[in-house]
Amino acid sequence: MEHIRECIAKAKVPKRYNSTVFPRPIRKDDLVLRRTLMGAPTNKLTPNWEGLFRVREEVG
């Protein structure tokens, strides 16, 4: 019984998340930020984002 409830709860998570997150189309010549590399040394004052970068071409 508990296993069934757990499966139902796990199925609700992506449905709830996807209802509030909207895909943002990125086109050529848009300005974007890029998340910094995780392998680099960090502390609490290290920026989480780097950029602005201009999109050169659309892929996919």
Protein backbone atom coordinates (compact mmCIF):
# COMPACT_ATOMS: atom_id res chain seq x y z
CA MET A 1 0.00 0.00 0.00
CA GLU A 2 2.78 2.41 0.93
CA HIS A 3 4.62 1.57 -2.28
CA ILE A 4 1.59 2.58 -4.35
CA ARG A 5 1.31 5.93 -2.55
CA GLU A 6 5.00 6.57 -3.12
CA CYS A 7 4.68 5.86 -6.86
CA ILE A 8 1.70 8.20 -7.12
CA ALA A 9 3.58 10.96 -5.30
CA LYS A 10 6.63 10.53 -7.55
CA ALA A 11 4.43 10.76 -10.63
CA LYS A 12 2.96 14.08 -9.42
CA VAL A 13 6.33 15.82 -9.02
CA PRO A 14 7.26 16.30 -12.70
CA LYS A 15 3.68 17.18 -13.60
CA ARG A 16 3.60 19.96 -11.01
CA TYR A 17 7.07 21.22 -11.98
CA ASN A 18 6.31 21.24 -15.70
CA SER A 19 3.11 23.21 -15.14
CA THR A 20 5.07 26.23 -13.86
CA VAL A 21 8.22 26.07 -16.03
CA PHE A 22 7.94 27.48 -19.53
CA PRO A 23 10.56 26.82 -22.23
CA ARG A 24 12.29 29.95 -23.43
CA PRO A 25 13.24 29.91 -27.09
CA ILE A 26 16.78 31.14 -27.69
CA ARG A 27 17.36 32.61 -31.13
CA LYS A 28 20.35 33.90 -33.04
CA ASP A 29 21.72 37.23 -31.70
CA ASP A 30 20.07 36.82 -28.26
CA LEU A 31 22.18 37.69 -25.23
CA VAL A 32 22.48 34.86 -22.69
CA LEU A 33 24.20 34.10 -19.40
CA ARG A 34 26.14 30.90 -18.84
CA ARG A 35 26.43 29.02 -15.56
CA THR A 36 30.04 28.96 -14.31
CA LEU A 37 31.98 25.71 -14.41
CA MET A 38 31.55 23.49 -11.37
CA GLY A 39 35.17 22.27 -11.46
CA ALA A 40 36.58 25.73 -10.80
CA PRO A 41 37.42 26.66 -7.21
CA THR A 42 34.49 28.47 -5.61
CA ASN A 43 33.56 30.29 -2.45
CA LYS A 44 30.41 32.11 -1.41
CA LEU A 45 31.39 35.29 -3.27
CA THR A 46 32.11 33.56 -6.58
CA PRO A 47 29.53 34.53 -9.22
CA ASN A 48 27.13 31.78 -10.30
CA TRP A 49 26.81 33.12 -13.85
CA GLU A 50 29.19 34.50 -16.43
CA GLY A 51 28.46 36.41 -19.59
CA LEU A 52 26.70 38.14 -21.51
CA PHE A 53 27.27 35.99 -24.58
CA ARG A 54 25.67 36.50 -27.97
CA VAL A 55 24.14 33.40 -29.59
CA ARG A 56 25.85 32.86 -32.96
CA GLU A 57 23.62 30.15 -34.41
CA GLU A 58 20.73 27.88 -33.52
CA VAL A 59 21.50 24.18 -33.13
CA GLY A 60 18.85 21.50 -33.39
